[in-house]
Amino acid sequence: MVRKVVVFAVALAAFAFFARGADAHSHKKIDPRLTVTSIGVGAASTATFFAISHGKHWHNGPLASGTAWGLTTIGCMAVSPMVATAVLDRPLSYREAHVLLASCVLPVVGGWLVNEAYNNGTLWAPDEKPARKHHHHKK
């Protein structure tokens, strides 16, 4: 539980540090089908987590719940790009793949944070033009 709170606090701090003012024309939107894929695979991973962690063999040992969390997170990260590629019927961009992976690690806000990092120019990919930073000069 403490680890989840720390991860959330770090993600929130990173967002606050890299957040900038509204600039709607430079923000790239994510295909809604990716959002649906992320939610579907995330729900399946969550169901798998509960099935594994509440099984009779996983209650033994101090890392039982952590092991189940790790396995289902890695499974989500492996499966979600495959499902999204099939749904979109095309290869994924780096941004799309990273958004899906972040959604597996930090559900609900992970993908959004990664997309904003791309929009902000904090992250970049070889298949996209670098985000242009607008400099406002005072007169």
N, C-alpha and C. Protein backbone atom coordinates (compact mmCIF):
# COMPACT_ATOMS: atom_id res chain seq x y z
N MET A 1 0.82 -1.20 0.00
CA MET A 1 0.00 0.00 0.00
C MET A 1 0.86 1.25 0.00
N VAL A 2 1.93 1.22 0.81
CA VAL A 2 2.81 2.38 0.91
C VAL A 2 3.48 2.64 -0.44
N ARG A 3 3.86 1.57 -1.13
CA ARG A 3 4.51 1.73 -2.44
C ARG A 3 3.56 2.40 -3.43
N LYS A 4 2.30 2.05 -3.42
CA LYS A 4 1.33 2.65 -4.32
C LYS A 4 1.17 4.15 -4.05
N VAL A 5 1.17 4.51 -2.78
CA VAL A 5 1.04 5.92 -2.41
C VAL A 5 2.28 6.69 -2.87
N VAL A 6 3.46 6.09 -2.70
CA VAL A 6 4.69 6.74 -3.14
C VAL A 6 4.70 6.92 -4.65
N VAL A 7 4.31 5.89 -5.39
CA VAL A 7 4.26 5.98 -6.85
C VAL A 7 3.28 7.07 -7.28
N PHE A 8 2.14 7.13 -6.64
CA PHE A 8 1.16 8.17 -6.97
C PHE A 8 1.72 9.55 -6.68
N ALA A 9 2.38 9.72 -5.54
CA ALA A 9 2.94 11.02 -5.17
C ALA A 9 4.04 11.44 -6.14
N VAL A 10 4.88 10.51 -6.55
CA VAL A 10 5.94 10.82 -7.52
C VAL A 10 5.34 11.21 -8.86
N ALA A 11 4.34 10.48 -9.31
CA ALA A 11 3.69 10.81 -10.58
C ALA A 11 3.02 12.18 -10.51
N LEU A 12 2.37 12.47 -9.42
CA LEU A 12 1.73 13.77 -9.26
C LEU A 12 2.75 14.89 -9.23
N ALA A 13 3.87 14.67 -8.54
CA ALA A 13 4.93 15.67 -8.50
C ALA A 13 5.54 15.88 -9.88
N ALA A 14 5.73 14.80 -10.63
CA ALA A 14 6.28 14.92 -11.99
C ALA A 14 5.34 15.71 -12.88
N PHE A 15 4.05 15.43 -12.75
CA PHE A 15 3.08 16.18 -13.55
C PHE A 15 3.11 17.66 -13.19
N ALA A 16 3.14 17.96 -11.91
CA ALA A 16 3.15 19.36 -11.48
C ALA A 16 4.41 20.07 -11.95
N PHE A 17 5.53 19.34 -11.97
CA PHE A 17 6.79 19.95 -12.40
C PHE A 17 6.80 20.23 -13.89
N PHE A 18 6.26 19.32 -14.68
CA PHE A 18 6.32 19.46 -16.13
C PHE A 18 5.08 20.11 -16.74
N ALA A 19 4.07 20.39 -15.94
CA ALA A 19 2.85 20.99 -16.47
C ALA A 19 3.12 22.40 -16.97
N ARG A 20 2.43 22.76 -18.01
CA ARG A 20 2.56 24.11 -18.53
C ARG A 20 1.17 24.63 -18.86
N GLY A 21 1.10 25.87 -19.24
CA GLY A 21 -0.19 26.49 -19.54
C GLY A 21 -0.90 25.85 -20.71
N ALA A 22 -2.16 26.13 -20.86
CA ALA A 22 -2.95 25.56 -21.94
C ALA A 22 -2.45 26.05 -23.28
N ASP A 23 -2.27 25.10 -24.20
CA ASP A 23 -1.81 25.39 -25.55
C ASP A 23 -2.45 24.34 -26.45
N ALA A 24 -3.73 24.49 -26.70
CA ALA A 24 -4.53 23.44 -27.31
C ALA A 24 -4.07 23.05 -28.71
N HIS A 25 -3.48 23.96 -29.46
CA HIS A 25 -3.14 23.62 -30.84
C HIS A 25 -1.95 22.67 -30.95
N SER A 26 -1.14 22.50 -29.92
CA SER A 26 0.03 21.63 -30.01
C SER A 26 -0.19 20.27 -29.35
N HIS A 27 -1.33 20.04 -28.75
CA HIS A 27 -1.57 18.78 -28.05
C HIS A 27 -2.10 17.74 -29.01
N LYS A 28 -1.45 16.60 -29.00
CA LYS A 28 -1.89 15.49 -29.82
C LYS A 28 -2.86 14.63 -29.03
N LYS A 29 -3.95 14.32 -29.63
CA LYS A 29 -4.95 13.47 -28.98
C LYS A 29 -4.65 12.01 -29.27
N ILE A 30 -5.04 11.16 -28.36
CA ILE A 30 -4.88 9.73 -28.53
C ILE A 30 -6.17 9.16 -29.12
N ASP A 31 -6.03 8.21 -30.03
CA ASP A 31 -7.18 7.56 -30.66
C ASP A 31 -8.08 6.96 -29.58
N PRO A 32 -9.38 7.24 -29.62
CA PRO A 32 -10.29 6.70 -28.59
C PRO A 32 -10.28 5.17 -28.52
N ARG A 33 -9.98 4.52 -29.64
CA ARG A 33 -9.91 3.06 -29.62
C ARG A 33 -8.77 2.57 -28.72
N LEU A 34 -7.72 3.37 -28.59
CA LEU A 34 -6.63 3.00 -27.68
C LEU A 34 -7.09 3.09 -26.23
N THR A 35 -7.90 4.08 -25.94
CA THR A 35 -8.43 4.23 -24.59
C THR A 35 -9.30 3.03 -24.23
N VAL A 36 -10.14 2.62 -25.16
CA VAL A 36 -11.01 1.46 -24.93
C VAL A 36 -10.16 0.20 -24.76
N THR A 37 -9.12 0.05 -25.58
CA THR A 37 -8.22 -1.10 -25.46
C THR A 37 -7.54 -1.10 -24.10
N SER A 38 -7.05 0.06 -23.69
CA SER A 38 -6.38 0.18 -22.40
C SER A 38 -7.30 -0.20 -21.25
N ILE A 39 -8.53 0.27 -21.31
CA ILE A 39 -9.50 -0.05 -20.25
C ILE A 39 -9.82 -1.54 -20.26
N GLY A 40 -10.03 -2.12 -21.44
CA GLY A 40 -10.36 -3.54 -21.54
C GLY A 40 -9.25 -4.44 -21.03
N VAL A 41 -8.02 -4.19 -21.49
CA VAL A 41 -6.89 -5.01 -21.06
C VAL A 41 -6.61 -4.76 -19.58
N GLY A 42 -6.75 -3.52 -19.13
CA GLY A 42 -6.55 -3.22 -17.70
C GLY A 42 -7.56 -3.94 -16.83
N ALA A 43 -8.81 -3.98 -17.27
CA ALA A 43 -9.84 -4.69 -16.50
C ALA A 43 -9.54 -6.18 -16.45
N ALA A 44 -9.11 -6.74 -17.59
CA ALA A 44 -8.76 -8.16 -17.61
C ALA A 44 -7.57 -8.44 -16.70
N SER A 45 -6.60 -7.54 -16.69
CA SER A 45 -5.44 -7.70 -15.81
C SER A 45 -5.84 -7.61 -14.35
N THR A 46 -6.74 -6.71 -14.03
CA THR A 46 -7.22 -6.57 -12.66
C THR A 46 -7.96 -7.82 -12.22
N ALA A 47 -8.80 -8.35 -13.10
CA ALA A 47 -9.51 -9.59 -12.77
C ALA A 47 -8.53 -10.74 -12.57
N THR A 48 -7.49 -10.79 -13.40
CA THR A 48 -6.47 -11.82 -13.26
C THR A 48 -5.72 -11.66 -11.94
N PHE A 49 -5.41 -10.41 -11.57
CA PHE A 49 -4.75 -10.16 -10.29
C PHE A 49 -5.57 -10.71 -9.14
N PHE A 50 -6.86 -10.41 -9.12
CA PHE A 50 -7.69 -10.89 -8.03
C PHE A 50 -7.81 -12.41 -8.04
N ALA A 51 -7.85 -13.00 -9.22
CA ALA A 51 -7.93 -14.46 -9.31
C ALA A 51 -6.65 -15.10 -8.78
N ILE A 52 -5.50 -14.52 -9.14
CA ILE A 52 -4.22 -15.08 -8.69
C ILE A 52 -3.99 -14.81 -7.21
N SER A 53 -4.17 -13.57 -6.79
CA SER A 53 -3.80 -13.21 -5.42
C SER A 53 -4.73 -13.82 -4.38
N HIS A 54 -5.93 -14.22 -4.76
CA HIS A 54 -6.83 -14.83 -3.80
C HIS A 54 -6.88 -16.35 -3.94
N GLY A 55 -6.00 -16.89 -4.78
CA GLY A 55 -5.90 -18.35 -4.91
C GLY A 55 -5.23 -18.94 -3.68
N LYS A 56 -5.46 -20.20 -3.44
CA LYS A 56 -4.96 -20.82 -2.20
C LYS A 56 -3.44 -20.93 -2.17
N HIS A 57 -2.77 -20.94 -3.32
CA HIS A 57 -1.31 -21.09 -3.33
C HIS A 57 -0.58 -19.76 -3.19
N TRP A 58 -1.25 -18.63 -3.35
CA TRP A 58 -0.56 -17.35 -3.34
C TRP A 58 -0.60 -16.66 -1.99
N HIS A 59 -1.31 -17.18 -1.03
CA HIS A 59 -1.38 -16.53 0.28
C HIS A 59 -0.15 -16.83 1.13
N ASN A 60 0.65 -17.78 0.73
CA ASN A 60 1.84 -18.13 1.50
C ASN A 60 2.98 -17.19 1.13
N GLY A 61 3.65 -16.66 2.11
CA GLY A 61 4.83 -15.84 1.87
C GLY A 61 4.49 -14.35 1.84
N PRO A 62 5.51 -13.52 2.16
CA PRO A 62 5.27 -12.08 2.27
C PRO A 62 5.10 -11.37 0.93
N LEU A 63 5.55 -11.96 -0.16
CA LEU A 63 5.49 -11.28 -1.45
C LEU A 63 4.37 -11.79 -2.35
N ALA A 64 3.44 -12.52 -1.79
CA ALA A 64 2.41 -13.14 -2.62
C ALA A 64 1.62 -12.10 -3.42
N SER A 65 1.14 -11.05 -2.77
CA SER A 65 0.36 -10.04 -3.47
C SER A 65 1.24 -9.24 -4.43
N GLY A 66 2.46 -8.95 -4.02
CA GLY A 66 3.39 -8.23 -4.88
C GLY A 66 3.76 -9.02 -6.11
N THR A 67 3.92 -10.33 -5.95
CA THR A 67 4.23 -11.18 -7.09
C THR A 67 3.06 -11.20 -8.07
N ALA A 68 1.85 -11.31 -7.56
CA ALA A 68 0.67 -11.30 -8.43
C ALA A 68 0.55 -9.97 -9.15
N TRP A 69 0.83 -8.87 -8.43
CA TRP A 69 0.77 -7.54 -9.06
C TRP A 69 1.81 -7.44 -10.18
N GLY A 70 3.02 -7.90 -9.91
CA GLY A 70 4.08 -7.84 -10.92
C GLY A 70 3.75 -8.67 -12.15
N LEU A 71 3.25 -9.87 -11.93
CA LEU A 71 2.91 -10.74 -13.06
C LEU A 71 1.79 -10.15 -13.92
N THR A 72 0.77 -9.63 -13.29
CA THR A 72 -0.34 -9.08 -14.07
C THR A 72 0.05 -7.76 -14.74
N THR A 73 0.92 -6.97 -14.13
CA THR A 73 1.38 -5.73 -14.76
C THR A 73 2.21 -6.05 -16.00
N ILE A 74 3.13 -6.99 -15.87
CA ILE A 74 3.95 -7.38 -17.02
C ILE A 74 3.07 -8.01 -18.10
N GLY A 75 2.10 -8.80 -17.70
CA GLY A 75 1.17 -9.38 -18.68
C GLY A 75 0.39 -8.31 -19.41
N CYS A 76 -0.08 -7.31 -18.69
CA CYS A 76 -0.80 -6.19 -19.30
C CYS A 76 0.09 -5.46 -20.29
N MET A 77 1.36 -5.24 -19.89
CA MET A 77 2.30 -4.53 -20.76
C MET A 77 2.64 -5.33 -22.01
N ALA A 78 2.57 -6.65 -21.93
CA ALA A 78 2.84 -7.49 -23.10
C ALA A 78 1.62 -7.59 -24.02
N VAL A 79 0.44 -7.67 -23.43
CA VAL A 79 -0.77 -7.93 -24.21
C VAL A 79 -1.38 -6.66 -24.81
N SER A 80 -1.37 -5.54 -24.07
CA SER A 80 -2.08 -4.35 -24.56
C SER A 80 -1.57 -3.83 -25.91
N PRO A 81 -0.26 -3.79 -26.19
CA PRO A 81 0.15 -3.35 -27.54
C PRO A 81 -0.30 -4.32 -28.64
N MET A 82 -0.33 -5.61 -28.33
CA MET A 82 -0.79 -6.58 -29.33
C MET A 82 -2.27 -6.38 -29.64
N VAL A 83 -3.06 -6.21 -28.60
CA VAL A 83 -4.50 -6.01 -28.79
C VAL A 83 -4.74 -4.69 -29.54
N ALA A 84 -4.04 -3.65 -29.15
CA ALA A 84 -4.22 -2.35 -29.81
C ALA A 84 -3.82 -2.40 -31.28
N THR A 85 -2.76 -3.12 -31.60
CA THR A 85 -2.36 -3.27 -33.00
C THR A 85 -3.44 -3.99 -33.80
N ALA A 86 -4.04 -5.00 -33.21
CA ALA A 86 -5.13 -5.71 -33.89
C ALA A 86 -6.36 -4.83 -34.05
N VAL A 87 -6.68 -4.04 -33.01
CA VAL A 87 -7.86 -3.17 -33.06
C VAL A 87 -7.67 -2.07 -34.10
N LEU A 88 -6.49 -1.44 -34.12
CA LEU A 88 -6.23 -0.35 -35.06
C LEU A 88 -5.89 -0.84 -36.45
N ASP A 89 -5.49 -2.10 -36.57
CA ASP A 89 -5.10 -2.71 -37.85
C ASP A 89 -3.94 -1.95 -38.50
N ARG A 90 -3.00 -1.54 -37.67
CA ARG A 90 -1.78 -0.86 -38.13
C ARG A 90 -0.77 -0.91 -37.01
N PRO A 91 0.51 -0.68 -37.34
CA PRO A 91 1.51 -0.63 -36.26
C PRO A 91 1.28 0.58 -35.35
N LEU A 92 1.64 0.45 -34.10
CA LEU A 92 1.48 1.55 -33.16
C LEU A 92 2.64 2.52 -33.28
N SER A 93 2.38 3.78 -32.98
CA SER A 93 3.46 4.75 -32.88
C SER A 93 4.13 4.56 -31.51
N TYR A 94 5.30 5.14 -31.36
CA TYR A 94 5.98 5.06 -30.06
C TYR A 94 5.10 5.67 -28.96
N ARG A 95 4.50 6.80 -29.27
CA ARG A 95 3.65 7.47 -28.28
C ARG A 95 2.51 6.56 -27.84
N GLU A 96 1.84 5.94 -28.80
CA GLU A 96 0.71 5.07 -28.48
C GLU A 96 1.15 3.88 -27.62
N ALA A 97 2.28 3.28 -27.98
CA ALA A 97 2.78 2.14 -27.20
C ALA A 97 3.16 2.57 -25.79
N HIS A 98 3.80 3.71 -25.67
CA HIS A 98 4.20 4.18 -24.33
C HIS A 98 2.99 4.54 -23.47
N VAL A 99 1.97 5.11 -24.09
CA VAL A 99 0.75 5.43 -23.35
C VAL A 99 0.11 4.14 -22.82
N LEU A 100 0.05 3.11 -23.65
CA LEU A 100 -0.53 1.84 -23.22
C LEU A 100 0.28 1.22 -22.07
N LEU A 101 1.60 1.25 -22.19
CA LEU A 101 2.45 0.66 -21.15
C LEU A 101 2.31 1.42 -19.83
N ALA A 102 2.26 2.74 -19.91
CA ALA A 102 2.11 3.54 -18.69
C ALA A 102 0.75 3.30 -18.04
N SER A 103 -0.26 3.04 -18.86
CA SER A 103 -1.59 2.75 -18.31
C SER A 103 -1.61 1.44 -17.54
N CYS A 104 -0.73 0.53 -17.90
CA CYS A 104 -0.65 -0.74 -17.16
C CYS A 104 0.05 -0.54 -15.82
N VAL A 105 1.06 0.31 -15.79
CA VAL A 105 1.83 0.51 -14.56
C VAL A 105 1.09 1.40 -13.58
N LEU A 106 0.50 2.48 -14.08
CA LEU A 106 -0.22 3.42 -13.23
C LEU A 106 -1.61 3.64 -13.84
N PRO A 107 -2.57 2.78 -13.49
CA PRO A 107 -3.90 2.86 -14.11
C PRO A 107 -4.53 4.25 -13.95
N VAL A 108 -5.37 4.59 -14.86
CA VAL A 108 -6.16 5.82 -14.93
C VAL A 108 -5.31 7.02 -15.36
N VAL A 109 -4.23 7.33 -14.68
CA VAL A 109 -3.48 8.54 -15.01
C VAL A 109 -2.15 8.28 -15.71
N GLY A 110 -1.64 7.06 -15.71
CA GLY A 110 -0.34 6.78 -16.29
C GLY A 110 -0.25 7.14 -17.76
N GLY A 111 -1.20 6.68 -18.55
CA GLY A 111 -1.20 6.98 -19.98
C GLY A 111 -1.36 8.46 -20.26
N TRP A 112 -2.20 9.10 -19.46
CA TRP A 112 -2.41 10.54 -19.63
C TRP A 112 -1.13 11.31 -19.33
N LEU A 113 -0.41 10.92 -18.27
CA LEU A 113 0.84 11.58 -17.92
C LEU A 113 1.88 11.42 -19.03
N VAL A 114 1.97 10.23 -19.60
CA VAL A 114 2.94 10.00 -20.68
C VAL A 114 2.56 10.82 -21.91
N ASN A 115 1.28 10.86 -22.25
CA ASN A 115 0.85 11.67 -23.40
C ASN A 115 1.18 13.14 -23.17
N GLU A 116 0.96 13.62 -21.97
CA GLU A 116 1.30 15.02 -21.66
C GLU A 116 2.80 15.25 -21.71
N ALA A 117 3.58 14.25 -21.31
CA ALA A 117 5.04 14.38 -21.41
C ALA A 117 5.47 14.49 -22.87
N TYR A 118 4.80 13.75 -23.76
CA TYR A 118 5.07 13.90 -25.20
C TYR A 118 4.64 15.29 -25.68
N ASN A 119 3.46 15.71 -25.28
CA ASN A 119 2.97 17.03 -25.70
C ASN A 119 3.87 18.15 -25.21
N ASN A 120 4.44 17.96 -24.03
CA ASN A 120 5.28 18.97 -23.40
C ASN A 120 6.69 18.99 -23.97
N GLY A 121 7.07 17.94 -24.68
CA GLY A 121 8.43 17.86 -25.21
C GLY A 121 9.39 17.19 -24.24
N THR A 122 8.89 16.71 -23.10
CA THR A 122 9.73 16.01 -22.14
C THR A 122 10.14 14.65 -22.70
N LEU A 123 9.23 13.99 -23.39
CA LEU A 123 9.51 12.74 -24.11
C LEU A 123 9.39 13.02 -25.60
N TRP A 124 10.13 12.27 -26.40
CA TRP A 124 10.03 12.40 -27.84
C TRP A 124 10.31 11.03 -28.45
N ALA A 125 9.89 10.87 -29.68
CA ALA A 125 10.05 9.59 -30.36
C ALA A 125 10.57 9.83 -31.77
N PRO A 126 11.28 8.84 -32.34
CA PRO A 126 11.83 9.03 -33.68
C PRO A 126 10.76 9.10 -34.78
N ASP A 127 9.54 8.66 -34.50
CA ASP A 127 8.51 8.71 -35.54
C ASP A 127 7.66 9.98 -35.48
N GLU A 128 8.04 10.93 -34.64
CA GLU A 128 7.32 12.21 -34.53
C GLU A 128 8.30 13.37 -34.66
N LYS A 129 7.78 14.49 -35.10
CA LYS A 129 8.57 15.71 -35.06
C LYS A 129 8.67 16.14 -33.61
N PRO A 130 9.82 16.69 -33.21
CA PRO A 130 9.93 17.16 -31.82
C PRO A 130 8.90 18.25 -31.53
N ALA A 131 8.38 18.24 -30.31
CA ALA A 131 7.43 19.27 -29.91
C ALA A 131 8.13 20.61 -29.93
N ARG A 132 7.49 21.58 -30.51
CA ARG A 132 8.08 22.90 -30.61
C ARG A 132 7.73 23.70 -29.37
N LYS A 133 8.74 24.23 -28.75
CA LYS A 133 8.51 25.08 -27.58
C LYS A 133 8.28 26.49 -28.08
N HIS A 134 7.18 27.07 -27.65
CA HIS A 134 6.86 28.44 -28.05
C HIS A 134 7.45 29.40 -27.03
N HIS A 135 8.26 30.31 -27.53
CA HIS A 135 8.87 31.30 -26.66
C HIS A 135 8.14 32.62 -26.88
N HIS A 136 7.64 33.16 -25.81
CA HIS A 136 6.94 34.44 -25.89
C HIS A 136 7.91 35.55 -25.50
N HIS A 137 8.09 36.46 -26.42
CA HIS A 137 9.01 37.57 -26.16
C HIS A 137 8.22 38.79 -25.68
N LYS A 138 8.72 39.38 -24.63
CA LYS A 138 8.08 40.59 -24.12
C LYS A 138 8.51 41.76 -24.97
N LYS A 139 7.59 42.66 -25.17
CA LYS A 139 7.91 43.86 -25.98
C LYS A 139 8.31 45.01 -25.12
